Amino acid sequence: MEEEKVNLRLDADVQKLEAERLRKGKAKAEEDLDSLKTDYKKLCLSMRTVGLGKTSEQWREKIQEEKNKADRWEKKF
């Protein structure tokens, strides 16, 4: 009977340690995820700032605008 109590206490201790380890792992994973989200937002902002986030259609429109400007300058001079 006494041996069974000792085994149950040991099992409970192991379960507590395992639960604590999992909680710490979850907290670390959540921190990492938050950090990745922040980095992703900064990257998207940087891409928009330098124009890398444009779609093909947006680039086509931008190129057409520049061609139109060049044509206007050529006609002007």
PDB file of N, CA and C in Angstrom:
ATOM      1  N   MET A   1       0.817  -1.190   0.000  1.00  0.00           N
ATOM      2  CA  MET A   1       0.000   0.000   0.000  1.00  0.00           C
ATOM      3  C   MET A   1       0.869   1.265   0.000  1.00  0.00           C
ATOM      4  N   GLU A   2       1.888   1.245   0.854  1.00  0.00           N
ATOM      5  CA  GLU A   2       2.785   2.394   0.945  1.00  0.00           C
ATOM      6  C   GLU A   2       3.548   2.592  -0.364  1.00  0.00           C
ATOM      7  N   GLU A   3       3.970   1.511  -0.954  1.00  0.00           N
ATOM      8  CA  GLU A   3       4.704   1.575  -2.232  1.00  0.00           C
ATOM      9  C   GLU A   3       3.810   2.155  -3.328  1.00  0.00           C
ATOM     10  N   GLU A   4       2.548   1.817  -3.291  1.00  0.00           N
ATOM     11  CA  GLU A   4       1.605   2.338  -4.274  1.00  0.00           C
ATOM     12  C   GLU A   4       1.442   3.853  -4.127  1.00  0.00           C
ATOM     13  N   LYS A   5       1.397   4.340  -2.878  1.00  0.00           N
ATOM     14  CA  LYS A   5       1.306   5.777  -2.639  1.00  0.00           C
ATOM     15  C   LYS A   5       2.534   6.501  -3.179  1.00  0.00           C
ATOM     16  N   VAL A   6       3.703   5.916  -2.955  1.00  0.00           N
ATOM     17  CA  VAL A   6       4.950   6.511  -3.437  1.00  0.00           C
ATOM     18  C   VAL A   6       4.926   6.582  -4.963  1.00  0.00           C
ATOM     19  N   ASN A   7       4.486   5.495  -5.586  1.00  0.00           N
ATOM     20  CA  ASN A   7       4.419   5.471  -7.048  1.00  0.00           C
ATOM     21  C   ASN A   7       3.431   6.506  -7.579  1.00  0.00           C
ATOM     22  N   LEU A   8       2.299   6.646  -6.897  1.00  0.00           N
ATOM     23  CA  LEU A   8       1.320   7.638  -7.321  1.00  0.00           C
ATOM     24  C   LEU A   8       1.867   9.059  -7.179  1.00  0.00           C
ATOM     25  N   ARG A   9       2.599   9.321  -6.080  1.00  0.00           N
ATOM     26  CA  ARG A   9       3.211  10.639  -5.899  1.00  0.00           C
ATOM     27  C   ARG A   9       4.243  10.902  -6.991  1.00  0.00           C
ATOM     28  N   LEU A  10       5.033   9.889  -7.297  1.00  0.00           N
ATOM     29  CA  LEU A  10       6.030  10.041  -8.353  1.00  0.00           C
ATOM     30  C   LEU A  10       5.356  10.307  -9.695  1.00  0.00           C
ATOM     31  N   ASP A  11       4.296   9.582  -9.963  1.00  0.00           N
ATOM     32  CA  ASP A  11       3.555   9.796 -11.216  1.00  0.00           C
ATOM     33  C   ASP A  11       2.991  11.222 -11.269  1.00  0.00           C
ATOM     34  N   ALA A  12       2.463  11.680 -10.155  1.00  0.00           N
ATOM     35  CA  ALA A  12       1.907  13.032 -10.109  1.00  0.00           C
ATOM     36  C   ALA A  12       3.008  14.064 -10.325  1.00  0.00           C
ATOM     37  N   ASP A  13       4.164  13.849  -9.712  1.00  0.00           N
ATOM     38  CA  ASP A  13       5.288  14.769  -9.885  1.00  0.00           C
ATOM     39  C   ASP A  13       5.747  14.801 -11.348  1.00  0.00           C
ATOM     40  N   VAL A  14       5.813  13.643 -11.942  1.00  0.00           N
ATOM     41  CA  VAL A  14       6.212  13.572 -13.358  1.00  0.00           C
ATOM     42  C   VAL A  14       5.200  14.309 -14.224  1.00  0.00           C
ATOM     43  N   GLN A  15       3.922  14.124 -13.938  1.00  0.00           N
ATOM     44  CA  GLN A  15       2.876  14.808 -14.698  1.00  0.00           C
ATOM     45  C   GLN A  15       2.975  16.328 -14.532  1.00  0.00           C
ATOM     46  N   LYS A  16       3.243  16.780 -13.316  1.00  0.00           N
ATOM     47  CA  LYS A  16       3.389  18.213 -13.063  1.00  0.00           C
ATOM     48  C   LYS A  16       4.574  18.776 -13.837  1.00  0.00           C
ATOM     49  N   LEU A  17       5.692  18.070 -13.793  1.00  0.00           N
ATOM     50  CA  LEU A  17       6.889  18.526 -14.517  1.00  0.00           C
ATOM     51  C   LEU A  17       6.634  18.580 -16.022  1.00  0.00           C
ATOM     52  N   GLU A  18       5.963  17.576 -16.517  1.00  0.00           N
ATOM     53  CA  GLU A  18       5.653  17.524 -17.952  1.00  0.00           C
ATOM     54  C   GLU A  18       4.715  18.672 -18.340  1.00  0.00           C
ATOM     55  N   ALA A  19       3.720  18.930 -17.510  1.00  0.00           N
ATOM     56  CA  ALA A  19       2.786  20.023 -17.780  1.00  0.00           C
ATOM     57  C   ALA A  19       3.517  21.362 -17.766  1.00  0.00           C
ATOM     58  N   GLU A  20       4.404  21.553 -16.808  1.00  0.00           N
ATOM     59  CA  GLU A  20       5.176  22.796 -16.722  1.00  0.00           C
ATOM     60  C   GLU A  20       6.075  22.960 -17.944  1.00  0.00           C
ATOM     61  N   ARG A  21       6.707  21.891 -18.367  1.00  0.00           N
ATOM     62  CA  ARG A  21       7.565  21.929 -19.554  1.00  0.00           C
ATOM     63  C   ARG A  21       6.752  22.302 -20.793  1.00  0.00           C
ATOM     64  N   LEU A  22       5.560  21.736 -20.907  1.00  0.00           N
ATOM     65  CA  LEU A  22       4.690  22.055 -22.041  1.00  0.00           C
ATOM     66  C   LEU A  22       4.216  23.509 -21.993  1.00  0.00           C
ATOM     67  N   ARG A  23       3.906  24.020 -20.796  1.00  0.00           N
ATOM     68  CA  ARG A  23       3.495  25.427 -20.661  1.00  0.00           C
ATOM     69  C   ARG A  23       4.618  26.361 -21.090  1.00  0.00           C
ATOM     70  N   LYS A  24       5.837  26.054 -20.650  1.00  0.00           N
ATOM     71  CA  LYS A  24       6.982  26.880 -21.032  1.00  0.00           C
ATOM     72  C   LYS A  24       7.208  26.815 -22.541  1.00  0.00           C
ATOM     73  N   GLY A  25       7.069  25.635 -23.118  1.00  0.00           N
ATOM     74  CA  GLY A  25       7.224  25.486 -24.563  1.00  0.00           C
ATOM     75  C   GLY A  25       6.171  26.260 -25.326  1.00  0.00           C
ATOM     76  N   LYS A  26       4.950  26.233 -24.824  1.00  0.00           N
ATOM     77  CA  LYS A  26       3.860  26.974 -25.469  1.00  0.00           C
ATOM     78  C   LYS A  26       4.119  28.476 -25.387  1.00  0.00           C
ATOM     79  N   ALA A  27       4.561  28.937 -24.220  1.00  0.00           N
ATOM     80  CA  ALA A  27       4.840  30.367 -24.052  1.00  0.00           C
ATOM     81  C   ALA A  27       5.957  30.796 -25.007  1.00  0.00           C
ATOM     82  N   LYS A  28       6.983  29.977 -25.132  1.00  0.00           N
ATOM     83  CA  LYS A  28       8.093  30.288 -26.045  1.00  0.00           C
ATOM     84  C   LYS A  28       7.607  30.317 -27.486  1.00  0.00           C
ATOM     85  N   ALA A  29       6.779  29.369 -27.858  1.00  0.00           N
ATOM     86  CA  ALA A  29       6.239  29.319 -29.225  1.00  0.00           C
ATOM     87  C   ALA A  29       5.380  30.544 -29.508  1.00  0.00           C
ATOM     88  N   GLU A  30       4.590  30.979 -28.528  1.00  0.00           N
ATOM     89  CA  GLU A  30       3.764  32.171 -28.708  1.00  0.00           C
ATOM     90  C   GLU A  30       4.624  33.423 -28.859  1.00  0.00           C
ATOM     91  N   GLU A  31       5.702  33.520 -28.072  1.00  0.00           N
ATOM     92  CA  GLU A  31       6.626  34.643 -28.206  1.00  0.00           C
ATOM     93  C   GLU A  31       7.256  34.660 -29.598  1.00  0.00           C
ATOM     94  N   ASP A  32       7.683  33.482 -30.050  1.00  0.00           N
ATOM     95  CA  ASP A  32       8.285  33.377 -31.380  1.00  0.00           C
ATOM     96  C   ASP A  32       7.294  33.773 -32.465  1.00  0.00           C
ATOM     97  N   LEU A  33       6.048  33.340 -32.318  1.00  0.00           N
ATOM     98  CA  LEU A  33       5.021  33.686 -33.289  1.00  0.00           C
ATOM     99  C   LEU A  33       4.777  35.194 -33.320  1.00  0.00           C
ATOM    100  N   ASP A  34       4.691  35.803 -32.154  1.00  0.00           N
ATOM    101  CA  ASP A  34       4.510  37.254 -32.090  1.00  0.00           C
ATOM    102  C   ASP A  34       5.672  37.979 -32.759  1.00  0.00           C
ATOM    103  N   SER A  35       6.870  37.495 -32.512  1.00  0.00           N
ATOM    104  CA  SER A  35       8.052  38.098 -33.121  1.00  0.00           C
ATOM    105  C   SER A  35       8.013  37.955 -34.642  1.00  0.00           C
ATOM    106  N   LEU A  36       7.618  36.790 -35.114  1.00  0.00           N
ATOM    107  CA  LEU A  36       7.508  36.575 -36.557  1.00  0.00           C
ATOM    108  C   LEU A  36       6.448  37.477 -37.180  1.00  0.00           C
ATOM    109  N   LYS A  37       5.331  37.649 -36.485  1.00  0.00           N
ATOM    110  CA  LYS A  37       4.275  38.531 -36.991  1.00  0.00           C
ATOM    111  C   LYS A  37       4.786  39.962 -37.103  1.00  0.00           C
ATOM    112  N   THR A  38       5.515  40.408 -36.091  1.00  0.00           N
ATOM    113  CA  THR A  38       6.069  41.757 -36.106  1.00  0.00           C
ATOM    114  C   THR A  38       7.053  41.913 -37.261  1.00  0.00           C
ATOM    115  N   ASP A  39       7.940  40.930 -37.416  1.00  0.00           N
ATOM    116  CA  ASP A  39       8.910  40.978 -38.520  1.00  0.00           C
ATOM    117  C   ASP A  39       8.211  40.983 -39.868  1.00  0.00           C
ATOM    118  N   TYR A  40       7.145  40.194 -39.988  1.00  0.00           N
ATOM    119  CA  TYR A  40       6.397  40.125 -41.244  1.00  0.00           C
ATOM    120  C   TYR A  40       5.768  41.481 -41.577  1.00  0.00           C
ATOM    121  N   LYS A  41       5.185  42.121 -40.556  1.00  0.00           N
ATOM    122  CA  LYS A  41       4.572  43.437 -40.770  1.00  0.00           C
ATOM    123  C   LYS A  41       5.620  44.454 -41.205  1.00  0.00           C
ATOM    124  N   LYS A  42       6.800  44.421 -40.563  1.00  0.00           N
ATOM    125  CA  LYS A  42       7.874  45.341 -40.939  1.00  0.00           C
ATOM    126  C   LYS A  42       8.335  45.078 -42.371  1.00  0.00           C
ATOM    127  N   LEU A  43       8.441  43.806 -42.731  1.00  0.00           N
ATOM    128  CA  LEU A  43       8.848  43.452 -44.088  1.00  0.00           C
ATOM    129  C   LEU A  43       7.835  43.938 -45.114  1.00  0.00           C
ATOM    130  N   CYS A  44       6.564  43.738 -44.846  1.00  0.00           N
ATOM    131  CA  CYS A  44       5.516  44.200 -45.767  1.00  0.00           C
ATOM    132  C   CYS A  44       5.560  45.714 -45.924  1.00  0.00           C
ATOM    133  N   LEU A  45       5.758  46.412 -44.824  1.00  0.00           N
ATOM    134  CA  LEU A  45       5.844  47.867 -44.888  1.00  0.00           C
ATOM    135  C   LEU A  45       7.054  48.294 -45.715  1.00  0.00           C
ATOM    136  N   SER A  46       8.179  47.645 -45.510  1.00  0.00           N
ATOM    137  CA  SER A  46       9.383  47.963 -46.284  1.00  0.00           C
ATOM    138  C   SER A  46       9.168  47.686 -47.767  1.00  0.00           C
ATOM    139  N   MET A  47       8.506  46.580 -48.057  1.00  0.00           N
ATOM    140  CA  MET A  47       8.252  46.236 -49.462  1.00  0.00           C
ATOM    141  C   MET A  47       7.346  47.279 -50.112  1.00  0.00           C
ATOM    142  N   ARG A  48       6.330  47.732 -49.391  1.00  0.00           N
ATOM    143  CA  ARG A  48       5.443  48.767 -49.941  1.00  0.00           C
ATOM    144  C   ARG A  48       6.209  50.064 -50.138  1.00  0.00           C
ATOM    145  N   THR A  49       7.084  50.384 -49.190  1.00  0.00           N
ATOM    146  CA  THR A  49       7.838  51.622 -49.256  1.00  0.00           C
ATOM    147  C   THR A  49       8.717  51.668 -50.503  1.00  0.00           C
ATOM    148  N   VAL A  50       9.351  50.555 -50.834  1.00  0.00           N
ATOM    149  CA  VAL A  50      10.239  50.537 -52.000  1.00  0.00           C
ATOM    150  C   VAL A  50       9.534  50.042 -53.253  1.00  0.00           C
ATOM    151  N   GLY A  51       8.281  49.681 -53.143  1.00  0.00           N
ATOM    152  CA  GLY A  51       7.501  49.290 -54.312  1.00  0.00           C
ATOM    153  C   GLY A  51       7.609  47.834 -54.702  1.00  0.00           C
ATOM    154  N   LEU A  52       8.177  47.011 -53.864  1.00  0.00           N
ATOM    155  CA  LEU A  52       8.323  45.598 -54.210  1.00  0.00           C
ATOM    156  C   LEU A  52       7.036  44.810 -54.025  1.00  0.00           C
ATOM    157  N   GLY A  53       6.078  45.371 -53.336  1.00  0.00           N
ATOM    158  CA  GLY A  53       4.845  44.648 -53.055  1.00  0.00           C
ATOM    159  C   GLY A  53       3.781  44.810 -54.116  1.00  0.00           C
ATOM    160  N   LYS A  54       4.166  45.396 -55.257  1.00  0.00           N
ATOM    161  CA  LYS A  54       3.171  45.626 -56.299  1.00  0.00           C
ATOM    162  C   LYS A  54       2.882  44.347 -57.074  1.00  0.00           C
ATOM    163  N   THR A  55       1.657  44.264 -57.561  1.00  0.00           N
ATOM    164  CA  THR A  55       1.280  43.129 -58.399  1.00  0.00           C
ATOM    165  C   THR A  55       1.752  43.401 -59.826  1.00  0.00           C
ATOM    166  N   SER A  56       1.693  42.395 -60.658  1.00  0.00           N
ATOM    167  CA  SER A  56       2.089  42.552 -62.055  1.00  0.00           C
ATOM    168  C   SER A  56       1.267  43.637 -62.732  1.00  0.00           C
ATOM    169  N   GLU A  57      -0.017  43.639 -62.431  1.00  0.00           N
ATOM    170  CA  GLU A  57      -0.897  44.646 -63.033  1.00  0.00           C
ATOM    171  C   GLU A  57      -0.502  46.052 -62.587  1.00  0.00           C
ATOM    172  N   GLN A  58      -0.171  46.214 -61.336  1.00  0.00           N
ATOM    173  CA  GLN A  58       0.256  47.517 -60.836  1.00  0.00           C
ATOM    174  C   GLN A  58       1.549  47.963 -61.506  1.00  0.00           C
ATOM    175  N   TRP A  59       2.474  47.018 -61.720  1.00  0.00           N
ATOM    176  CA  TRP A  59       3.718  47.354 -62.412  1.00  0.00           C
ATOM    177  C   TRP A  59       3.434  47.758 -63.859  1.00  0.00           C
ATOM    178  N   ARG A  60       2.531  47.037 -64.525  1.00  0.00           N
ATOM    179  CA  ARG A  60       2.178  47.385 -65.909  1.00  0.00           C
ATOM    180  C   ARG A  60       1.620  48.804 -65.987  1.00  0.00           C
ATOM    181  N   GLU A  61       0.739  49.129 -65.032  1.00  0.00           N
ATOM    182  CA  GLU A  61       0.162  50.470 -64.995  1.00  0.00           C
ATOM    183  C   GLU A  61       1.243  51.518 -64.762  1.00  0.00           C
ATOM    184  N   LYS A  62       2.141  51.237 -63.853  1.00  0.00           N
ATOM    185  CA  LYS A  62       3.229  52.179 -63.554  1.00  0.00           C
ATOM    186  C   LYS A  62       4.119  52.379 -64.782  1.00  0.00           C
ATOM    187  N   ILE A  63       4.446  51.308 -65.474  1.00  0.00           N
ATOM    188  CA  ILE A  63       5.275  51.400 -66.683  1.00  0.00           C
ATOM    189  C   ILE A  63       4.549  52.198 -67.758  1.00  0.00           C
ATOM    190  N   GLN A  64       3.252  51.948 -67.922  1.00  0.00           N
ATOM    191  CA  GLN A  64       2.471  52.680 -68.916  1.00  0.00           C
ATOM    192  C   GLN A  64       2.444  54.167 -68.583  1.00  0.00           C
ATOM    193  N   GLU A  65       2.274  54.500 -67.308  1.00  0.00           N
ATOM    194  CA  GLU A  65       2.289  55.899 -66.890  1.00  0.00           C
ATOM    195  C   GLU A  65       3.616  56.564 -67.255  1.00  0.00           C
ATOM    196  N   GLU A  66       4.704  55.865 -66.990  1.00  0.00           N
ATOM    197  CA  GLU A  66       6.024  56.418 -67.291  1.00  0.00           C
ATOM    198  C   GLU A  66       6.226  56.575 -68.803  1.00  0.00           C
ATOM    199  N   LYS A  67       5.735  55.611 -69.578  1.00  0.00           N
ATOM    200  CA  LYS A  67       5.825  55.725 -71.038  1.00  0.00           C
ATOM    201  C   LYS A  67       5.028  56.934 -71.520  1.00  0.00           C
ATOM    202  N   ASN A  68       3.839  57.121 -70.953  1.00  0.00           N
ATOM    203  CA  ASN A  68       3.009  58.272 -71.327  1.00  0.00           C
ATOM    204  C   ASN A  68       3.722  59.583 -70.998  1.00  0.00           C
ATOM    205  N   LYS A  69       4.351  59.648 -69.834  1.00  0.00           N
ATOM    206  CA  LYS A  69       5.097  60.850 -69.465  1.00  0.00           C
ATOM    207  C   LYS A  69       6.230  61.106 -70.457  1.00  0.00           C
ATOM    208  N   ALA A  70       6.944  60.044 -70.809  1.00  0.00           N
ATOM    209  CA  ALA A  70       8.051  60.188 -71.754  1.00  0.00           C
ATOM    210  C   ALA A  70       7.530  60.661 -73.107  1.00  0.00           C
ATOM    211  N   ASP A  71       6.417  60.101 -73.551  1.00  0.00           N
ATOM    212  CA  ASP A  71       5.824  60.529 -74.836  1.00  0.00           C
ATOM    213  C   ASP A  71       5.436  61.997 -74.794  1.00  0.00           C
ATOM    214  N   ARG A  72       4.845  62.445 -73.691  1.00  0.00           N
ATOM    215  CA  ARG A  72       4.470  63.855 -73.556  1.00  0.00           C
ATOM    216  C   ARG A  72       5.691  64.766 -73.631  1.00  0.00           C
ATOM    217  N   TRP A  73       6.775  64.352 -72.981  1.00  0.00           N
ATOM    218  CA  TRP A  73       7.997  65.152 -73.032  1.00  0.00           C
ATOM    219  C   TRP A  73       8.575  65.199 -74.445  1.00  0.00           C
ATOM    220  N   GLU A  74       8.512  64.060 -75.129  1.00  0.00           N
ATOM    221  CA  GLU A  74       9.036  64.034 -76.509  1.00  0.00           C
ATOM    222  C   GLU A  74       8.221  64.965 -77.406  1.00  0.00           C
ATOM    223  N   LYS A  75       6.909  64.959 -77.265  1.00  0.00           N
ATOM    224  CA  LYS A  75       6.061  65.831 -78.076  1.00  0.00           C
ATOM    225  C   LYS A  75       6.296  67.303 -77.742  1.00  0.00           C
ATOM    226  N   LYS A  76       6.550  67.550 -76.475  1.00  0.00           N
ATOM    227  CA  LYS A  76       6.755  68.920 -76.024  1.00  0.00           C
ATOM    228  C   LYS A  76       8.048  69.500 -76.622  1.00  0.00           C
ATOM    229  N   PHE A  77       9.070  68.683 -76.752  1.00  0.00           N
ATOM    230  CA  PHE A  77      10.339  69.163 -77.260  1.00  0.00           C
ATOM    231  C   PHE A  77      10.580  68.525 -78.587  1.00  0.00           C
TER     232      PHE A  77
END
